Amino acid sequence: MIFRKKHLTSIDAGHYKNTADQQTEVMPVPAVVKISMSENIGAPCKPLVKKGDYVKKGQLIGDTDAFLSVPIHSSVSGTVLGIETMRSAMGGNDTYVVIESDGKQEEEETTAPVIEDQPAFIKAMRASGLVGLGGASFPSWVKFNPKNLVDIDTLIVNGAECEPFITSDHRTMLEDAQDVLDGAQAMMKWLQAENGYIAIENNKQNAIDKFNKMIVEQGIKNLHVFPLQARYPKGAERVLIYEVTGKQCDAGVLPAALGVIVSNITSTAFMGKYLKTGKPLTWKRLTVDGDAVANPKNVLVPIGASVHDVIEFCGGYKKEPRKILMGGPMMGRAIYSDEQTILKANNAILAFSAEQAAIPEETACINCGRCHEACPFDLLPTKFADAYQHKDVQALRDLQVMQCMECGSCSYVCPAHRPLAFMNKLGKAMVKEADKNARK
């Protein structure tokens, strides 16, 4: 155990919630979507359609028998142009179903699932195509079907949204609040969880007030709003569990082992809506922001739309983009082209000019200790960096590098501008590779 603080360390990374007050706009259907068959952590799906097939919005187009997976549905109606292989934002070569939209958005007929017991709830959750929409993309049906189901006593709905710029979850809380409550109550029912918390940072007071009022008006019991300090990284799963319950969740330990299930607030809202309509996950709310974007806004986007099409809907670029991120500036992923397409777990597209994306020149470590102070888990990022550079796997193990959750706090506060979080990531990969070789 490495937790020693009553409240875990957090940093003021700046909020920049520029679009928090902007109502979500629906993006027109693009001419073409390219839908990845690798939409979750785990096994990719196999295409169930072929070139020339006509598909409807919501139609099943990809699935697999592999355990760690969820099915994939079309976000548009139209004709399949082909099955392509393209380099993804993760750097691998993924399979994509390319569909030319006919603009009609003819929908596959759906009905609300009939839920009579916990297995039926899990079956419906898988059929919906839901993955963790906070960025993790873990198949939700697996998370909600733990082996120790009888031990689960707490559901935490994660509405922290602590990364700078991103406001899509905030808009979900304001625009889809009833779906959030419906989803949370269904999750608590089929988990048989006695306690439920909607955790929200206190810079979203209007969302806190809204849920408090609705919970009282609807007489909902055992579901409470839990205000959080508006600091990064309060929304990280392990940090959030500690803040809400006081339970310590080390790396490699599933929250379920502590009797806790954490669900992103947009995932919860989607499930609340799905149980009423039966319509699978095909569109996603995104925040589009950054100084290179002409008109930053929150947008409802069809999965498979290109980043370029999304940016064009926001007025295009007003400056030459130097860096484009899928996700936030702390844990998001830089993409090499705006032809990359939107995935289920995307919650933001941020486009920065050279001025805003400039990386200061790295200088020597001055042993100031700020990285250690900023780490939520009291880790030693400079020691990780030294061990990594010396290829000292045992030192990395002894220093507990696997406890690092790559939140980026150490890099953010470093006055020498060292890429500590990235070196932590490389150090973890080195340990994993060594362990893999040892097993062989």
Protein backbone atom coordinates (compact mmCIF):
# COMPACT_ATOMS: atom_id res chain seq x y z
CA MET A 1 0.00 0.00 0.00
CA ILE A 2 1.33 3.44 -0.86
CA PHE A 3 -1.51 5.76 0.15
CA ARG A 4 -0.58 7.83 3.18
CA LYS A 5 -2.68 10.98 2.84
CA LYS A 6 -6.16 11.83 4.00
CA HIS A 7 -6.74 13.53 0.66
CA LEU A 8 -4.54 12.52 -2.26
CA THR A 9 -2.31 15.18 -3.74
CA SER A 10 -3.78 17.06 -6.69
CA ILE A 11 -2.63 19.96 -8.84
CA ASP A 12 -4.17 23.07 -10.34
CA ALA A 13 -3.67 22.30 -14.01
CA GLY A 14 -5.98 25.12 -15.04
CA HIS A 15 -9.53 24.39 -16.04
CA TYR A 16 -10.08 26.23 -19.34
CA LYS A 17 -13.69 25.06 -19.42
CA ASN A 18 -14.44 27.43 -22.28
CA THR A 19 -17.42 25.48 -23.63
CA ALA A 20 -19.14 24.64 -20.33
CA ASP A 21 -22.11 26.90 -21.07
CA GLN A 22 -22.53 25.86 -24.70
CA GLN A 23 -25.49 23.62 -25.49
CA THR A 24 -24.55 20.53 -27.47
CA GLU A 25 -24.99 20.87 -31.24
CA VAL A 26 -25.74 17.92 -33.50
CA MET A 27 -23.26 17.51 -36.33
CA PRO A 28 -24.73 16.78 -39.77
CA VAL A 29 -24.08 13.28 -41.05
CA PRO A 30 -20.80 13.28 -43.03
CA ALA A 31 -20.56 11.84 -46.54
CA VAL A 32 -18.42 8.93 -45.35
CA VAL A 33 -17.69 7.32 -41.99
CA LYS A 34 -14.89 4.88 -41.23
CA ILE A 35 -15.82 2.78 -38.20
CA SER A 36 -12.98 1.00 -36.42
CA MET A 37 -13.36 -2.64 -35.47
CA SER A 38 -11.06 -1.96 -32.48
CA GLU A 39 -13.34 0.14 -30.29
CA ASN A 40 -12.45 -1.39 -26.91
CA ILE A 41 -9.62 -2.70 -24.80
CA GLY A 42 -9.51 -6.37 -25.71
CA ALA A 43 -10.24 -8.28 -28.88
CA PRO A 44 -11.14 -6.44 -32.10
CA CYS A 45 -14.37 -7.29 -33.87
CA LYS A 46 -14.67 -9.01 -37.21
CA PRO A 47 -16.68 -7.18 -39.89
CA LEU A 48 -20.13 -8.69 -40.44
CA VAL A 49 -20.73 -6.73 -43.66
CA LYS A 50 -19.02 -6.58 -47.04
CA LYS A 51 -18.57 -4.14 -49.88
CA GLY A 52 -21.88 -3.24 -51.50
CA ASP A 53 -24.06 -4.09 -48.50
CA TYR A 54 -26.73 -1.59 -47.46
CA VAL A 55 -26.75 -0.88 -43.72
CA LYS A 56 -29.06 1.01 -41.42
CA LYS A 57 -28.17 3.25 -38.51
CA GLY A 58 -27.83 1.03 -35.44
CA GLN A 59 -27.28 -2.13 -37.47
CA LEU A 60 -24.72 -4.63 -36.15
CA ILE A 61 -21.63 -4.45 -38.38
CA GLY A 62 -18.92 -6.05 -36.22
CA ASP A 63 -18.64 -8.63 -33.44
CA THR A 64 -16.47 -11.45 -32.10
CA ASP A 65 -16.78 -14.48 -29.84
CA ALA A 66 -13.79 -13.31 -27.80
CA PHE A 67 -14.55 -12.64 -24.13
CA LEU A 68 -13.17 -9.11 -23.74
CA SER A 69 -15.15 -7.38 -26.47
CA VAL A 70 -18.35 -5.57 -27.42
CA PRO A 71 -20.24 -5.42 -30.73
CA ILE A 72 -20.08 -2.44 -33.09
CA HIS A 73 -23.00 -0.79 -34.87
CA SER A 74 -23.27 1.54 -37.83
CA SER A 75 -23.71 5.23 -37.02
CA VAL A 76 -25.28 5.99 -40.42
CA SER A 77 -27.46 4.43 -43.08
CA GLY A 78 -25.86 3.88 -46.45
CA THR A 79 -23.69 1.58 -48.55
CA VAL A 80 -20.52 -0.19 -47.46
CA LEU A 81 -17.71 1.04 -49.71
CA GLY A 82 -15.25 -1.52 -48.42
CA ILE A 83 -13.19 -2.90 -45.56
CA GLU A 84 -9.90 -1.03 -45.07
CA THR A 85 -6.80 -1.28 -42.93
CA MET A 86 -5.57 2.02 -41.54
CA ARG A 87 -3.07 3.11 -38.91
CA SER A 88 -4.90 4.08 -35.75
CA ALA A 89 -4.18 6.76 -33.16
CA MET A 90 -2.61 4.01 -31.03
CA GLY A 91 -0.06 3.31 -33.76
CA GLY A 92 -1.37 -0.10 -34.82
CA ASN A 93 -3.04 -1.17 -38.03
CA ASP A 94 -6.77 -1.55 -37.43
CA THR A 95 -9.62 -2.72 -39.61
CA TYR A 96 -12.30 -0.17 -40.57
CA VAL A 97 -15.72 -0.56 -42.17
CA VAL A 98 -16.12 2.32 -44.62
CA ILE A 99 -19.72 3.43 -45.21
CA GLU A 100 -21.02 6.04 -47.64
CA SER A 101 -23.98 7.74 -46.02
CA ASP A 102 -27.20 8.18 -47.97
CA GLY A 103 -28.26 11.01 -45.65
CA LYS A 104 -31.53 9.28 -44.76
CA GLN A 105 -30.48 7.92 -41.37
CA GLU A 106 -32.88 5.00 -41.77
CA GLU A 107 -32.77 3.21 -38.42
CA GLU A 108 -32.65 -0.45 -37.53
CA GLU A 109 -35.81 -1.30 -35.61
CA THR A 110 -35.16 -1.64 -31.89
CA THR A 111 -37.13 -2.28 -28.74
CA ALA A 112 -36.25 -1.69 -25.12
CA PRO A 113 -34.60 -4.80 -23.63
CA VAL A 114 -36.59 -6.84 -21.14
CA ILE A 115 -34.58 -7.02 -17.92
CA GLU A 116 -35.77 -9.55 -15.37
CA ASP A 117 -32.51 -10.51 -13.69
CA GLN A 118 -28.82 -9.64 -13.51
CA PRO A 119 -27.75 -11.93 -16.42
CA ALA A 120 -30.34 -10.22 -18.65
CA PHE A 121 -28.95 -6.83 -17.63
CA ILE A 122 -25.42 -7.94 -18.54
CA LYS A 123 -26.62 -9.37 -21.85
CA ALA A 124 -28.34 -6.07 -22.68
CA MET A 125 -25.27 -4.07 -21.70
CA ARG A 126 -23.09 -6.09 -24.08
CA ALA A 127 -25.64 -5.86 -26.89
CA SER A 128 -25.66 -2.06 -26.52
CA GLY A 129 -22.00 -1.83 -27.51
CA LEU A 130 -21.13 0.16 -24.39
CA VAL A 131 -17.52 0.65 -23.34
CA GLY A 132 -16.11 2.99 -20.72
CA LEU A 133 -16.79 6.40 -22.26
CA GLY A 134 -14.41 8.31 -20.02
CA GLY A 135 -11.52 7.18 -22.22
CA ALA A 136 -10.70 3.72 -20.86
CA SER A 137 -12.85 1.85 -23.45
CA PHE A 138 -13.10 -1.20 -21.17
CA PRO A 139 -16.11 -3.40 -22.08
CA SER A 140 -18.77 -2.29 -19.60
CA TRP A 141 -20.59 -5.62 -19.46
CA VAL A 142 -17.43 -7.26 -18.10
CA LYS A 143 -17.02 -4.60 -15.40
CA PHE A 144 -20.65 -5.02 -14.29
CA ASN A 145 -20.37 -8.80 -14.10
CA PRO A 146 -17.69 -9.30 -11.42
CA LYS A 147 -17.00 -12.72 -9.98
CA ASN A 148 -17.64 -11.34 -6.50
CA LEU A 149 -21.01 -9.76 -7.29
CA VAL A 150 -22.30 -10.43 -3.77
CA ASP A 151 -19.52 -8.22 -2.36
CA ILE A 152 -20.40 -5.12 -4.40
CA ASP A 153 -21.93 -2.48 -2.15
CA THR A 154 -21.06 0.82 -3.85
CA LEU A 155 -21.56 2.41 -7.27
CA ILE A 156 -19.62 5.60 -8.04
CA VAL A 157 -20.77 7.57 -11.07
CA ASN A 158 -17.76 9.56 -12.21
CA GLY A 159 -18.73 13.11 -13.16
CA ALA A 160 -15.46 14.71 -12.10
CA GLU A 161 -14.23 15.58 -15.62
CA CYS A 162 -11.03 17.02 -14.17
CA GLU A 163 -8.98 17.37 -17.37
CA PRO A 164 -8.62 20.91 -18.73
CA PHE A 165 -10.82 22.03 -21.65
CA ILE A 166 -13.20 19.03 -21.68
CA THR A 167 -16.85 19.81 -20.88
CA SER A 168 -18.73 17.02 -22.68
CA ASP A 169 -19.52 15.16 -19.44
CA HIS A 170 -20.66 18.43 -17.86
CA ARG A 171 -23.08 18.94 -20.72
CA THR A 172 -24.31 15.35 -20.28
CA MET A 173 -25.11 16.13 -16.65
CA LEU A 174 -27.07 19.23 -17.62
CA GLU A 175 -28.78 17.95 -20.77
CA ASP A 176 -29.29 14.25 -19.95
CA ALA A 177 -29.67 14.34 -16.16
CA GLN A 178 -32.71 12.03 -16.10
CA ASP A 179 -30.85 9.44 -18.16
CA VAL A 180 -27.99 9.61 -15.64
CA LEU A 181 -30.36 8.97 -12.75
CA ASP A 182 -32.19 6.18 -14.59
CA GLY A 183 -28.91 4.51 -15.53
CA ALA A 184 -27.48 4.81 -12.02
CA GLN A 185 -30.60 3.32 -10.43
CA ALA A 186 -30.60 0.40 -12.89
CA MET A 187 -26.91 -0.25 -12.24
CA MET A 188 -27.42 -0.16 -8.47
CA LYS A 189 -30.42 -2.47 -8.75
CA TRP A 190 -28.68 -5.19 -10.73
CA LEU A 191 -25.44 -4.86 -8.78
CA GLN A 192 -27.51 -4.96 -5.58
CA ALA A 193 -25.36 -2.03 -4.43
CA GLU A 194 -26.61 -0.35 -1.28
CA ASN A 195 -24.83 2.95 -1.87
CA GLY A 196 -24.57 5.15 -4.92
CA TYR A 197 -22.63 8.38 -5.39
CA ILE A 198 -22.52 10.85 -8.25
CA ALA A 199 -19.08 12.43 -7.83
CA ILE A 200 -18.82 15.91 -9.34
CA GLU A 201 -16.07 18.54 -9.04
CA ASN A 202 -17.30 21.70 -7.32
CA ASN A 203 -16.58 23.87 -10.37
CA LYS A 204 -19.78 22.36 -11.81
CA GLN A 205 -22.13 23.71 -9.16
CA ASN A 206 -25.07 23.89 -11.57
CA ALA A 207 -24.80 20.12 -12.12
CA ILE A 208 -24.49 19.47 -8.38
CA ASP A 209 -27.57 21.58 -7.70
CA LYS A 210 -29.52 19.92 -10.52
CA PHE A 211 -28.93 16.39 -9.30
CA ASN A 212 -29.54 17.26 -5.65
CA LYS A 213 -32.90 18.77 -6.59
CA MET A 214 -33.95 15.88 -8.85
CA ILE A 215 -32.96 13.24 -6.29
CA VAL A 216 -35.12 14.91 -3.64
CA GLU A 217 -38.05 15.53 -5.99
CA GLN A 218 -38.06 11.92 -7.21
CA GLY A 219 -37.55 10.46 -3.76
CA ILE A 220 -34.50 8.47 -4.82
CA LYS A 221 -32.90 6.71 -1.88
CA ASN A 222 -29.29 5.65 -1.40
CA LEU A 223 -28.05 7.79 -4.32
CA HIS A 224 -26.18 10.92 -3.32
CA VAL A 225 -24.16 13.71 -4.91
CA PHE A 226 -20.55 13.75 -3.72
CA PRO A 227 -18.84 17.13 -4.37
CA LEU A 228 -15.13 16.95 -5.12
CA GLN A 229 -12.45 19.59 -4.95
CA ALA A 230 -11.88 20.95 -8.47
CA ARG A 231 -8.32 19.75 -8.84
CA TYR A 232 -6.58 17.34 -11.21
CA PRO A 233 -6.66 14.25 -11.17
CA LYS A 234 -9.74 13.82 -8.95
CA GLY A 235 -11.50 11.88 -11.70
CA ALA A 236 -8.88 9.14 -11.95
CA GLU A 237 -10.52 5.90 -10.88
CA ARG A 238 -8.14 5.01 -8.05
CA VAL A 239 -8.11 8.59 -6.74
CA LEU A 240 -11.89 8.81 -6.96
CA ILE A 241 -12.44 5.59 -5.02
CA TYR A 242 -10.21 6.87 -2.24
CA GLU A 243 -11.88 10.29 -2.13
CA VAL A 244 -15.41 8.87 -1.97
CA THR A 245 -14.94 5.73 0.13
CA GLY A 246 -11.52 6.02 1.76
CA LYS A 247 -10.60 2.63 0.28
CA GLN A 248 -7.11 2.20 -1.16
CA CYS A 249 -6.97 0.71 -4.65
CA ASP A 250 -3.46 -0.25 -5.72
CA ALA A 251 -2.44 -0.78 -9.33
CA GLY A 252 -3.58 -4.15 -10.61
CA VAL A 253 -6.42 -4.33 -8.08
CA LEU A 254 -9.88 -4.18 -9.60
CA PRO A 255 -12.31 -1.82 -7.85
CA ALA A 256 -14.72 -4.75 -7.58
CA ALA A 257 -12.28 -6.39 -5.17
CA LEU A 258 -13.02 -3.46 -2.84
CA GLY A 259 -16.77 -3.78 -3.34
CA VAL A 260 -16.86 -0.80 -5.70
CA ILE A 261 -17.88 -0.29 -9.34
CA VAL A 262 -17.03 3.01 -11.05
CA SER A 263 -18.99 4.15 -14.11
CA ASN A 264 -18.32 7.25 -16.18
CA ILE A 265 -21.28 9.61 -16.12
CA THR A 266 -21.77 9.52 -19.90
CA SER A 267 -21.66 5.71 -19.82
CA THR A 268 -24.31 5.83 -17.10
CA ALA A 269 -26.50 8.23 -19.09
CA PHE A 270 -26.21 6.10 -22.19
CA MET A 271 -27.29 3.00 -20.28
CA GLY A 272 -30.26 4.86 -18.84
CA LYS A 273 -31.35 5.81 -22.36
CA TYR A 274 -30.60 2.39 -23.88
CA LEU A 275 -32.81 0.60 -21.37
CA LYS A 276 -35.71 2.79 -22.56
CA THR A 277 -35.06 2.69 -26.32
CA GLY A 278 -32.84 -0.26 -27.19
CA LYS A 279 -30.79 1.99 -29.50
CA PRO A 280 -27.10 0.99 -29.43
CA LEU A 281 -24.08 3.26 -29.07
CA THR A 282 -23.50 4.98 -32.41
CA TRP A 283 -22.96 8.69 -31.61
CA LYS A 284 -20.77 10.46 -29.07
CA ARG A 285 -20.74 13.91 -27.44
CA LEU A 286 -17.36 15.64 -27.83
CA THR A 287 -15.80 18.90 -26.72
CA VAL A 288 -13.96 20.57 -29.59
CA ASP A 289 -11.60 23.28 -28.39
CA GLY A 290 -8.10 24.72 -28.62
CA ASP A 291 -6.71 27.96 -29.99
CA ALA A 292 -6.56 26.55 -33.53
CA VAL A 293 -10.34 25.92 -33.66
CA ALA A 294 -12.50 28.71 -35.08
CA ASN A 295 -15.64 28.00 -33.02
CA PRO A 296 -15.07 25.73 -30.00
CA LYS A 297 -18.24 23.88 -28.98
CA ASN A 298 -19.76 20.65 -27.71
CA VAL A 299 -20.85 18.44 -30.56
CA LEU A 300 -22.83 15.22 -30.96
CA VAL A 301 -20.83 13.27 -33.53
CA PRO A 302 -21.43 9.99 -35.40
CA ILE A 303 -18.83 7.38 -34.49
CA GLY A 304 -16.53 6.97 -37.47
CA ALA A 305 -16.65 10.61 -38.58
CA SER A 306 -13.22 12.05 -39.34
CA VAL A 307 -11.63 14.61 -37.03
CA HIS A 308 -11.39 16.86 -40.09
CA ASP A 309 -15.18 16.74 -40.60
CA VAL A 310 -15.75 17.52 -36.92
CA ILE A 311 -13.38 20.49 -37.04
CA GLU A 312 -15.06 21.76 -40.22
CA PHE A 313 -18.41 21.72 -38.41
CA CYS A 314 -16.76 23.95 -35.81
CA GLY A 315 -15.76 26.51 -38.41
CA GLY A 316 -12.48 24.91 -39.42
CA TYR A 317 -9.03 25.99 -38.30
CA LYS A 318 -8.37 29.62 -37.54
CA LYS A 319 -4.68 28.85 -37.04
CA GLU A 320 -2.43 26.16 -38.43
CA PRO A 321 -2.75 23.22 -36.01
CA ARG A 322 0.58 22.13 -34.56
CA LYS A 323 -0.88 19.40 -32.36
CA ILE A 324 -4.25 17.66 -32.37
CA LEU A 325 -5.28 15.57 -29.39
CA MET A 326 -7.96 12.94 -28.95
CA GLY A 327 -8.83 13.56 -25.31
CA GLY A 328 -7.43 16.05 -22.84
CA PRO A 329 -4.01 17.71 -22.62
CA MET A 330 -2.93 15.62 -19.61
CA MET A 331 -3.77 12.08 -20.75
CA GLY A 332 -5.01 12.49 -24.31
CA ARG A 333 -3.29 11.06 -27.36
CA ALA A 334 -1.74 13.12 -30.15
CA ILE A 335 -2.81 12.04 -33.62
CA TYR A 336 -0.75 12.26 -36.79
CA SER A 337 -3.59 13.30 -39.09
CA ASP A 338 -7.06 14.79 -38.83
CA GLU A 339 -8.23 11.97 -41.09
CA GLN A 340 -8.30 9.82 -37.94
CA THR A 341 -11.86 8.90 -37.03
CA ILE A 342 -13.93 9.27 -33.88
CA LEU A 343 -14.06 6.27 -31.54
CA LYS A 344 -16.59 5.41 -28.86
CA ALA A 345 -14.29 6.48 -26.03
CA ASN A 346 -13.37 9.89 -27.52
CA ASN A 347 -14.59 12.73 -25.33
CA ALA A 348 -12.70 15.62 -26.89
CA ILE A 349 -10.79 16.87 -29.90
CA LEU A 350 -8.30 19.62 -29.05
CA ALA A 351 -6.37 21.45 -31.76
CA PHE A 352 -3.52 23.70 -30.69
CA SER A 353 -1.38 26.09 -32.68
CA ALA A 354 2.42 26.08 -32.48
CA GLU A 355 2.20 28.82 -29.86
CA GLN A 356 -0.06 26.89 -27.49
CA ALA A 357 1.51 23.50 -28.21
CA ALA A 358 5.11 24.66 -27.78
CA ILE A 359 7.21 22.34 -25.63
CA PRO A 360 9.85 24.22 -23.60
CA GLU A 361 13.42 23.01 -23.89
CA GLU A 362 14.31 20.34 -21.34
CA THR A 363 16.96 21.22 -18.78
CA ALA A 364 18.72 19.33 -16.01
CA CYS A 365 16.84 18.09 -12.95
CA ILE A 366 17.36 20.41 -9.97
CA ASN A 367 16.09 17.89 -7.41
CA CYS A 368 13.33 20.24 -6.29
CA GLY A 369 10.96 17.40 -5.39
CA ARG A 370 7.91 18.97 -7.04
CA CYS A 371 7.15 15.84 -9.05
CA HIS A 372 7.06 13.78 -5.86
CA GLU A 373 4.82 16.34 -4.16
CA ALA A 374 2.43 16.39 -7.13
CA CYS A 375 2.11 12.60 -7.43
CA PRO A 376 -1.20 11.39 -5.97
CA PHE A 377 0.52 8.21 -4.78
CA ASP A 378 3.79 9.61 -3.36
CA LEU A 379 5.88 8.04 -6.10
CA LEU A 380 9.35 9.19 -7.19
CA PRO A 381 9.22 10.06 -10.91
CA THR A 382 12.85 11.24 -11.11
CA LYS A 383 13.99 7.91 -9.69
CA PHE A 384 11.85 6.11 -12.27
CA ALA A 385 13.53 8.14 -15.01
CA ASP A 386 16.99 7.31 -13.72
CA ALA A 387 16.18 3.61 -13.45
CA TYR A 388 14.68 3.56 -16.92
CA GLN A 389 17.69 5.28 -18.47
CA HIS A 390 19.98 2.74 -16.77
CA LYS A 391 17.67 -0.11 -17.84
CA ASP A 392 17.45 -1.19 -14.19
CA VAL A 393 14.29 -3.29 -14.14
CA GLN A 394 14.70 -4.34 -10.54
CA ALA A 395 14.98 -0.73 -9.40
CA LEU A 396 11.79 0.08 -11.29
CA ARG A 397 10.06 -2.76 -9.47
CA ASP A 398 11.42 -1.69 -6.09
CA LEU A 399 10.26 1.88 -6.70
CA GLN A 400 6.77 0.57 -7.60
CA VAL A 401 6.68 2.05 -11.08
CA MET A 402 3.58 -0.04 -11.84
CA GLN A 403 1.64 2.11 -9.37
CA CYS A 404 1.98 5.07 -11.77
CA MET A 405 -1.32 5.83 -13.52
CA GLU A 406 0.35 8.17 -16.07
CA CYS A 407 -1.76 11.16 -15.04
CA GLY A 408 0.98 13.58 -16.15
CA SER A 409 1.04 15.63 -12.95
CA CYS A 410 4.79 15.15 -12.55
CA SER A 411 5.53 16.43 -16.05
CA TYR A 412 3.17 19.37 -15.58
CA VAL A 413 4.90 20.72 -12.46
CA CYS A 414 8.49 19.96 -13.49
CA PRO A 415 10.44 23.26 -13.79
CA ALA A 416 13.04 21.44 -15.92
CA HIS A 417 10.29 20.40 -18.39
CA ARG A 418 11.33 16.75 -18.28
CA PRO A 419 8.88 14.27 -19.88
CA LEU A 420 8.63 12.33 -16.64
CA ALA A 421 5.21 10.79 -17.24
CA PHE A 422 6.33 9.47 -20.61
CA MET A 423 9.48 7.96 -19.08
CA ASN A 424 7.29 6.38 -16.40
CA LYS A 425 5.26 4.83 -19.19
CA LEU A 426 8.40 3.48 -20.85
CA GLY A 427 9.60 2.15 -17.51
CA LYS A 428 6.34 0.28 -16.99
CA ALA A 429 6.65 -1.20 -20.48
CA MET A 430 10.19 -2.32 -19.64
CA VAL A 431 8.99 -4.14 -16.51
CA LYS A 432 6.11 -5.77 -18.42
CA GLU A 433 8.51 -6.96 -21.12
CA ALA A 434 10.89 -8.38 -18.53
CA ASP A 435 8.03 -10.20 -16.80
CA LYS A 436 6.85 -11.56 -20.14
CA ASN A 437 10.31 -12.88 -20.97
CA ALA A 438 10.61 -14.42 -17.50
CA ARG A 439 7.36 -16.34 -18.02
CA LYS A 440 8.67 -17.67 -21.31
